[in-house]
Amino acid sequence: MLEKKKSADPNELREQAKLKAQAAKAKLAQVKLLKANKPPQYVEEPEYTGDGEIDDAADLAAVESGFKKRAKDENLRFALATDSEYWACLCFQTREQKEAFLSALKLLALGDKYIDGQQAAKVLGIDLPAANVPYNTSGKIDKTWAGFVD
């Protein structure tokens, strides 16, 4: 004997559609950030005088200066990357509690395990202090690997 399939609650369907739309918007914002976040330029081309010796020395000085700037940024990047105090953890008694909590805060669209704090703050309307991060935090997209993603 066949049982009749219950029709889905329209309010639940609307909420699911809303969460999917929020997730899509978050993904689009992340892609836009990746495209806009260009790597820093460390070597500035000096003005050339026409004298080979002077121009060569200026080129070497510019490259040396670039290496020093990059080393300074790398030291700061390393300190930031190894700082263990930039994350927080919430624990619940059940998965259902966790999902209810994230749903109530409208954060479930951002993930259910690891959530970008900047995106969560944006959803919650919280202004975060600016972060002076001397490197691209969003990573680089390899076109070959990106082709495997939906």
N, C-alpha and C. Protein backbone atom coordinates (compact mmCIF):
# COMPACT_ATOMS: atom_id res chain seq x y z
N MET A 1 0.83 -1.17 0.00
CA MET A 1 0.00 0.00 0.00
C MET A 1 0.89 1.25 0.00
N LEU A 2 0.59 2.19 -0.85
CA LEU A 2 1.38 3.41 -0.96
C LEU A 2 0.87 4.47 0.01
N GLU A 3 1.82 5.12 0.67
CA GLU A 3 1.46 6.22 1.56
C GLU A 3 1.52 7.51 0.77
N LYS A 4 0.64 8.41 1.12
CA LYS A 4 0.67 9.71 0.46
C LYS A 4 1.85 10.51 1.00
N LYS A 5 2.57 11.11 0.09
CA LYS A 5 3.71 11.94 0.50
C LYS A 5 3.20 13.29 1.00
N LYS A 6 3.66 13.69 2.18
CA LYS A 6 3.24 14.96 2.73
C LYS A 6 3.85 16.10 1.92
N SER A 7 3.08 17.12 1.65
CA SER A 7 3.62 18.26 0.92
C SER A 7 4.44 19.11 1.89
N ALA A 8 5.48 19.69 1.36
CA ALA A 8 6.39 20.48 2.19
C ALA A 8 5.70 21.76 2.66
N ASP A 9 6.06 22.19 3.84
CA ASP A 9 5.52 23.41 4.42
C ASP A 9 6.02 24.60 3.60
N PRO A 10 5.14 25.46 3.11
CA PRO A 10 5.57 26.61 2.29
C PRO A 10 6.52 27.54 3.03
N ASN A 11 6.32 27.70 4.34
CA ASN A 11 7.22 28.58 5.11
C ASN A 11 8.62 27.98 5.19
N GLU A 12 8.68 26.67 5.33
CA GLU A 12 9.98 25.98 5.38
C GLU A 12 10.69 26.10 4.03
N LEU A 13 9.93 25.95 2.95
CA LEU A 13 10.52 26.08 1.61
C LEU A 13 11.05 27.49 1.38
N ARG A 14 10.29 28.50 1.85
CA ARG A 14 10.75 29.88 1.71
C ARG A 14 12.05 30.11 2.49
N GLU A 15 12.10 29.56 3.70
CA GLU A 15 13.30 29.71 4.53
C GLU A 15 14.51 29.04 3.89
N GLN A 16 14.29 27.85 3.32
CA GLN A 16 15.37 27.14 2.63
C GLN A 16 15.86 27.95 1.42
N ALA A 17 14.92 28.50 0.66
CA ALA A 17 15.28 29.32 -0.50
C ALA A 17 16.05 30.56 -0.07
N LYS A 18 15.62 31.14 1.04
CA LYS A 18 16.29 32.34 1.58
C LYS A 18 17.74 32.01 1.97
N LEU A 19 17.92 30.86 2.64
CA LEU A 19 19.26 30.45 3.06
C LEU A 19 20.15 30.17 1.84
N LYS A 20 19.59 29.54 0.81
CA LYS A 20 20.36 29.28 -0.40
C LYS A 20 20.76 30.58 -1.08
N ALA A 21 19.85 31.55 -1.10
CA ALA A 21 20.15 32.85 -1.70
C ALA A 21 21.25 33.56 -0.92
N GLN A 22 21.20 33.48 0.41
CA GLN A 22 22.24 34.10 1.24
C GLN A 22 23.59 33.44 0.98
N ALA A 23 23.60 32.12 0.85
CA ALA A 23 24.85 31.39 0.58
C ALA A 23 25.41 31.79 -0.77
N ALA A 24 24.55 31.93 -1.76
CA ALA A 24 25.00 32.32 -3.10
C ALA A 24 25.58 33.74 -3.07
N LYS A 25 24.94 34.64 -2.34
CA LYS A 25 25.45 36.01 -2.23
C LYS A 25 26.81 36.03 -1.53
N ALA A 26 26.95 35.22 -0.49
CA ALA A 26 28.22 35.15 0.23
C ALA A 26 29.32 34.62 -0.67
N LYS A 27 29.01 33.61 -1.48
CA LYS A 27 30.00 33.04 -2.40
C LYS A 27 30.39 34.07 -3.46
N LEU A 28 29.42 34.81 -3.99
CA LEU A 28 29.71 35.84 -4.98
C LEU A 28 30.59 36.94 -4.39
N ALA A 29 30.31 37.34 -3.16
CA ALA A 29 31.13 38.36 -2.49
C ALA A 29 32.56 37.88 -2.32
N GLN A 30 32.72 36.60 -2.01
CA GLN A 30 34.06 36.03 -1.83
C GLN A 30 34.81 36.02 -3.16
N VAL A 31 34.14 35.67 -4.24
CA VAL A 31 34.77 35.66 -5.56
C VAL A 31 35.18 37.07 -5.96
N LYS A 32 34.30 38.05 -5.71
CA LYS A 32 34.63 39.45 -6.03
C LYS A 32 35.84 39.91 -5.24
N LEU A 33 35.92 39.51 -3.97
CA LEU A 33 37.07 39.88 -3.13
C LEU A 33 38.35 39.28 -3.69
N LEU A 34 38.29 38.02 -4.13
CA LEU A 34 39.47 37.37 -4.70
C LEU A 34 39.96 38.11 -5.93
N LYS A 35 39.04 38.54 -6.77
CA LYS A 35 39.42 39.23 -8.00
C LYS A 35 39.98 40.63 -7.72
N ALA A 36 39.44 41.30 -6.70
CA ALA A 36 39.85 42.67 -6.40
C ALA A 36 41.13 42.75 -5.59
N ASN A 37 41.48 41.69 -4.88
CA ASN A 37 42.62 41.71 -3.96
C ASN A 37 43.91 41.34 -4.70
N LYS A 38 44.53 42.33 -5.31
CA LYS A 38 45.75 42.10 -6.07
C LYS A 38 46.97 42.06 -5.13
N PRO A 39 47.98 41.28 -5.50
CA PRO A 39 49.17 41.20 -4.64
C PRO A 39 49.91 42.54 -4.60
N PRO A 40 50.59 42.82 -3.50
CA PRO A 40 51.32 44.10 -3.39
C PRO A 40 52.51 44.15 -4.34
N GLN A 41 52.86 45.36 -4.74
CA GLN A 41 54.01 45.59 -5.61
C GLN A 41 55.17 46.01 -4.72
N TYR A 42 56.24 45.24 -4.69
CA TYR A 42 57.35 45.53 -3.79
C TYR A 42 58.49 46.30 -4.44
N VAL A 43 58.66 46.15 -5.74
CA VAL A 43 59.78 46.83 -6.41
C VAL A 43 59.22 47.93 -7.30
N GLU A 44 59.66 49.13 -7.02
CA GLU A 44 59.27 50.26 -7.84
C GLU A 44 60.43 50.60 -8.76
N GLU A 45 60.13 50.73 -10.03
CA GLU A 45 61.18 51.01 -11.01
C GLU A 45 61.72 52.43 -10.78
N PRO A 46 63.04 52.56 -10.67
CA PRO A 46 63.61 53.89 -10.44
C PRO A 46 63.59 54.72 -11.73
N GLU A 47 63.81 56.02 -11.57
CA GLU A 47 63.93 56.87 -12.75
C GLU A 47 65.32 56.68 -13.33
N TYR A 48 65.38 56.45 -14.61
CA TYR A 48 66.67 56.17 -15.26
C TYR A 48 67.31 57.46 -15.74
N THR A 49 68.64 57.49 -15.61
CA THR A 49 69.41 58.69 -15.97
C THR A 49 70.05 58.56 -17.34
N GLY A 50 70.20 57.34 -17.81
CA GLY A 50 70.92 57.11 -19.07
C GLY A 50 72.34 56.65 -18.83
N ASP A 51 72.82 56.80 -17.61
CA ASP A 51 74.14 56.33 -17.23
C ASP A 51 73.99 54.89 -16.73
N GLY A 52 74.61 53.95 -17.41
CA GLY A 52 74.47 52.53 -17.10
C GLY A 52 74.82 52.18 -15.68
N GLU A 53 75.94 52.70 -15.19
CA GLU A 53 76.36 52.37 -13.83
C GLU A 53 75.37 52.88 -12.79
N ILE A 54 74.95 54.12 -12.96
CA ILE A 54 74.00 54.72 -12.01
C ILE A 54 72.66 53.99 -12.06
N ASP A 55 72.19 53.69 -13.29
CA ASP A 55 70.90 53.00 -13.46
C ASP A 55 70.94 51.58 -12.89
N ASP A 56 72.06 50.88 -13.11
CA ASP A 56 72.20 49.53 -12.56
C ASP A 56 72.19 49.56 -11.03
N ALA A 57 72.89 50.54 -10.46
CA ALA A 57 72.93 50.67 -9.00
C ALA A 57 71.53 50.99 -8.47
N ALA A 58 70.80 51.84 -9.19
CA ALA A 58 69.44 52.19 -8.76
C ALA A 58 68.53 50.97 -8.85
N ASP A 59 68.68 50.16 -9.92
CA ASP A 59 67.89 48.92 -10.04
C ASP A 59 68.17 47.98 -8.87
N LEU A 60 69.45 47.78 -8.56
CA LEU A 60 69.81 46.89 -7.45
C LEU A 60 69.28 47.43 -6.13
N ALA A 61 69.34 48.74 -5.94
CA ALA A 61 68.83 49.33 -4.70
C ALA A 61 67.32 49.14 -4.60
N ALA A 62 66.60 49.27 -5.72
CA ALA A 62 65.15 49.09 -5.72
C ALA A 62 64.79 47.64 -5.40
N VAL A 63 65.53 46.69 -5.98
CA VAL A 63 65.28 45.27 -5.71
C VAL A 63 65.58 44.96 -4.25
N GLU A 64 66.71 45.48 -3.74
CA GLU A 64 67.06 45.25 -2.34
C GLU A 64 65.98 45.81 -1.41
N SER A 65 65.51 47.01 -1.71
CA SER A 65 64.45 47.62 -0.92
C SER A 65 63.18 46.77 -0.96
N GLY A 66 62.86 46.25 -2.15
CA GLY A 66 61.70 45.37 -2.29
C GLY A 66 61.82 44.11 -1.45
N PHE A 67 63.00 43.50 -1.44
CA PHE A 67 63.23 42.31 -0.62
C PHE A 67 63.05 42.63 0.87
N LYS A 68 63.55 43.80 1.29
CA LYS A 68 63.43 44.18 2.70
C LYS A 68 61.96 44.41 3.08
N LYS A 69 61.20 45.08 2.19
CA LYS A 69 59.78 45.30 2.46
C LYS A 69 59.04 43.96 2.53
N ARG A 70 59.36 43.08 1.60
CA ARG A 70 58.70 41.77 1.57
C ARG A 70 59.06 40.96 2.82
N ALA A 71 60.30 41.01 3.26
CA ALA A 71 60.71 40.29 4.47
C ALA A 71 59.97 40.84 5.70
N LYS A 72 59.82 42.16 5.75
CA LYS A 72 59.09 42.77 6.86
C LYS A 72 57.63 42.31 6.86
N ASP A 73 57.00 42.32 5.68
CA ASP A 73 55.62 41.85 5.57
C ASP A 73 55.50 40.37 5.90
N GLU A 74 56.50 39.60 5.50
CA GLU A 74 56.47 38.16 5.79
C GLU A 74 56.55 37.91 7.29
N ASN A 75 57.36 38.69 7.99
CA ASN A 75 57.45 38.56 9.45
C ASN A 75 56.11 38.86 10.11
N LEU A 76 55.44 39.91 9.63
CA LEU A 76 54.12 40.26 10.16
C LEU A 76 53.10 39.18 9.80
N ARG A 77 53.15 38.69 8.55
CA ARG A 77 52.24 37.63 8.12
C ARG A 77 52.42 36.38 8.98
N PHE A 78 53.67 36.03 9.26
CA PHE A 78 53.96 34.85 10.07
C PHE A 78 53.40 35.02 11.48
N ALA A 79 53.59 36.21 12.05
CA ALA A 79 53.07 36.47 13.40
C ALA A 79 51.54 36.36 13.42
N LEU A 80 50.88 36.91 12.39
CA LEU A 80 49.43 36.83 12.31
C LEU A 80 48.96 35.40 12.07
N ALA A 81 49.66 34.68 11.20
CA ALA A 81 49.26 33.32 10.85
C ALA A 81 49.44 32.34 12.00
N THR A 82 50.40 32.60 12.87
CA THR A 82 50.65 31.67 13.97
C THR A 82 50.02 32.14 15.28
N ASP A 83 49.33 33.29 15.24
CA ASP A 83 48.61 33.77 16.43
C ASP A 83 47.39 32.88 16.62
N SER A 84 47.31 32.23 17.73
CA SER A 84 46.20 31.30 17.96
C SER A 84 44.98 31.97 18.58
N GLU A 85 45.02 33.25 18.76
CA GLU A 85 43.91 33.94 19.44
C GLU A 85 42.97 34.67 18.49
N TYR A 86 42.84 34.21 17.25
CA TYR A 86 41.97 34.88 16.30
C TYR A 86 40.70 34.08 16.02
N TRP A 87 40.42 33.05 16.78
CA TRP A 87 39.25 32.22 16.54
C TRP A 87 38.51 31.97 17.85
N ALA A 88 37.28 31.51 17.74
CA ALA A 88 36.46 31.17 18.90
C ALA A 88 35.71 29.88 18.60
N CYS A 89 35.25 29.20 19.61
CA CYS A 89 34.55 27.93 19.44
C CYS A 89 33.31 27.92 20.33
N LEU A 90 32.20 27.53 19.75
CA LEU A 90 30.96 27.36 20.51
C LEU A 90 30.62 25.88 20.49
N CYS A 91 30.23 25.33 21.61
CA CYS A 91 29.86 23.92 21.68
C CYS A 91 28.43 23.79 22.20
N PHE A 92 27.71 22.85 21.64
CA PHE A 92 26.34 22.58 22.04
C PHE A 92 26.23 21.11 22.43
N GLN A 93 25.09 20.73 22.96
CA GLN A 93 24.89 19.34 23.34
C GLN A 93 24.50 18.46 22.16
N THR A 94 23.86 19.06 21.15
CA THR A 94 23.43 18.27 19.99
C THR A 94 23.61 19.09 18.71
N ARG A 95 23.60 18.39 17.60
CA ARG A 95 23.65 19.04 16.28
C ARG A 95 22.44 19.95 16.10
N GLU A 96 21.29 19.48 16.56
CA GLU A 96 20.05 20.25 16.42
C GLU A 96 20.15 21.59 17.14
N GLN A 97 20.77 21.59 18.33
CA GLN A 97 20.97 22.85 19.06
C GLN A 97 21.86 23.79 18.27
N LYS A 98 22.95 23.25 17.74
CA LYS A 98 23.89 24.08 16.96
C LYS A 98 23.18 24.68 15.76
N GLU A 99 22.43 23.87 15.02
CA GLU A 99 21.75 24.35 13.82
C GLU A 99 20.65 25.34 14.16
N ALA A 100 19.95 25.13 15.28
CA ALA A 100 18.93 26.09 15.71
C ALA A 100 19.57 27.43 16.04
N PHE A 101 20.71 27.38 16.72
CA PHE A 101 21.44 28.60 17.08
C PHE A 101 21.88 29.36 15.83
N LEU A 102 22.52 28.64 14.89
CA LEU A 102 23.00 29.30 13.67
C LEU A 102 21.84 29.80 12.82
N SER A 103 20.75 29.06 12.77
CA SER A 103 19.57 29.50 12.01
C SER A 103 18.97 30.76 12.62
N ALA A 104 18.87 30.80 13.95
CA ALA A 104 18.30 31.97 14.62
C ALA A 104 19.11 33.22 14.35
N LEU A 105 20.42 33.06 14.21
CA LEU A 105 21.29 34.20 13.92
C LEU A 105 21.45 34.44 12.42
N LYS A 106 20.79 33.62 11.61
CA LYS A 106 20.87 33.71 10.14
C LYS A 106 22.30 33.50 9.64
N LEU A 107 23.02 32.57 10.29
CA LEU A 107 24.40 32.27 9.93
C LEU A 107 24.56 30.91 9.26
N LEU A 108 23.52 30.11 9.24
CA LEU A 108 23.63 28.76 8.71
C LEU A 108 24.04 28.76 7.24
N ALA A 109 23.66 29.80 6.50
CA ALA A 109 24.03 29.89 5.07
C ALA A 109 25.53 30.04 4.89
N LEU A 110 26.24 30.47 5.94
CA LEU A 110 27.68 30.67 5.85
C LEU A 110 28.45 29.39 6.16
N GLY A 111 27.77 28.38 6.66
CA GLY A 111 28.42 27.13 7.01
C GLY A 111 27.87 26.62 8.32
N ASP A 112 28.24 25.39 8.66
CA ASP A 112 27.76 24.85 9.92
C ASP A 112 28.90 24.37 10.81
N LYS A 113 30.12 24.56 10.36
CA LYS A 113 31.27 24.11 11.14
C LYS A 113 32.28 25.27 11.28
N TYR A 114 32.80 25.71 10.15
CA TYR A 114 33.78 26.80 10.14
C TYR A 114 33.14 27.99 9.43
N ILE A 115 33.02 29.09 10.13
CA ILE A 115 32.33 30.26 9.60
C ILE A 115 33.30 31.44 9.59
N ASP A 116 33.36 32.13 8.46
CA ASP A 116 34.19 33.32 8.34
C ASP A 116 33.63 34.40 9.27
N GLY A 117 34.42 34.81 10.23
CA GLY A 117 33.99 35.79 11.21
C GLY A 117 33.60 37.12 10.59
N GLN A 118 34.28 37.52 9.52
CA GLN A 118 33.94 38.78 8.87
C GLN A 118 32.57 38.70 8.21
N GLN A 119 32.26 37.57 7.58
CA GLN A 119 30.95 37.40 6.96
C GLN A 119 29.86 37.33 8.02
N ALA A 120 30.13 36.63 9.12
CA ALA A 120 29.15 36.54 10.21
C ALA A 120 28.87 37.92 10.79
N ALA A 121 29.91 38.70 11.01
CA ALA A 121 29.74 40.05 11.54
C ALA A 121 28.89 40.90 10.59
N LYS A 122 29.10 40.74 9.30
CA LYS A 122 28.33 41.50 8.32
C LYS A 122 26.85 41.13 8.40
N VAL A 123 26.55 39.82 8.48
CA VAL A 123 25.17 39.35 8.59
C VAL A 123 24.52 39.90 9.86
N LEU A 124 25.29 39.94 10.95
CA LEU A 124 24.76 40.39 12.24
C LEU A 124 24.78 41.91 12.41
N GLY A 125 25.34 42.63 11.42
CA GLY A 125 25.38 44.08 11.50
C GLY A 125 26.42 44.60 12.48
N ILE A 126 27.50 43.87 12.65
CA ILE A 126 28.55 44.26 13.58
C ILE A 126 29.72 44.86 12.80
N ASP A 127 30.16 46.05 13.19
CA ASP A 127 31.33 46.67 12.57
C ASP A 127 32.58 46.17 13.28
N LEU A 128 33.48 45.58 12.52
CA LEU A 128 34.74 45.09 13.07
C LEU A 128 35.83 46.13 12.86
N PRO A 129 36.83 46.17 13.74
CA PRO A 129 37.95 47.08 13.50
C PRO A 129 38.71 46.64 12.24
N ALA A 130 39.29 47.59 11.56
CA ALA A 130 40.05 47.29 10.35
C ALA A 130 41.27 46.44 10.70
N ALA A 131 41.64 45.56 9.80
CA ALA A 131 42.83 44.72 10.00
C ALA A 131 43.85 45.09 8.94
N ASN A 132 45.03 45.44 9.36
CA ASN A 132 46.11 45.76 8.44
C ASN A 132 46.88 44.48 8.14
N VAL A 133 46.37 43.71 7.19
CA VAL A 133 46.97 42.42 6.85
C VAL A 133 47.81 42.61 5.58
N PRO A 134 49.11 42.39 5.67
CA PRO A 134 50.00 42.72 4.55
C PRO A 134 50.07 41.65 3.46
N TYR A 135 49.08 40.83 3.35
CA TYR A 135 49.09 39.79 2.33
C TYR A 135 47.65 39.45 1.99
N ASN A 136 47.48 38.73 0.92
CA ASN A 136 46.17 38.36 0.43
C ASN A 136 45.62 37.23 1.29
N THR A 137 44.63 37.52 2.12
CA THR A 137 44.09 36.50 3.03
C THR A 137 43.15 35.53 2.34
N SER A 138 42.68 35.90 1.17
CA SER A 138 41.70 35.05 0.51
C SER A 138 42.33 33.99 -0.38
N GLY A 139 43.63 34.01 -0.52
CA GLY A 139 44.29 32.98 -1.32
C GLY A 139 44.20 33.25 -2.81
N LYS A 140 44.83 32.39 -3.55
CA LYS A 140 44.83 32.50 -5.01
C LYS A 140 44.02 31.35 -5.57
N ILE A 141 43.28 31.64 -6.63
CA ILE A 141 42.48 30.59 -7.26
C ILE A 141 43.25 30.03 -8.44
N ASP A 142 43.49 28.74 -8.42
CA ASP A 142 44.10 28.06 -9.54
C ASP A 142 42.99 27.68 -10.51
N LYS A 143 43.05 28.18 -11.75
CA LYS A 143 41.97 27.96 -12.71
C LYS A 143 41.74 26.47 -12.98
N THR A 144 42.79 25.67 -12.94
CA THR A 144 42.64 24.23 -13.19
C THR A 144 41.78 23.61 -12.10
N TRP A 145 42.10 23.91 -10.84
CA TRP A 145 41.35 23.35 -9.73
C TRP A 145 39.97 23.97 -9.64
N ALA A 146 39.85 25.25 -9.95
CA ALA A 146 38.55 25.92 -9.89
C ALA A 146 37.56 25.27 -10.86
N GLY A 147 38.06 24.68 -11.94
CA GLY A 147 37.19 24.01 -12.91
C GLY A 147 36.47 22.81 -12.33
N PHE A 148 36.97 22.27 -11.23
CA PHE A 148 36.34 21.10 -10.61
C PHE A 148 35.17 21.48 -9.69
N VAL A 149 35.05 22.78 -9.39
CA VAL A 149 34.02 23.26 -8.48
C VAL A 149 32.79 23.64 -9.26
N ASP A 150 31.62 23.40 -8.66
CA ASP A 150 30.36 23.78 -9.32
C ASP A 150 30.31 25.24 -9.63
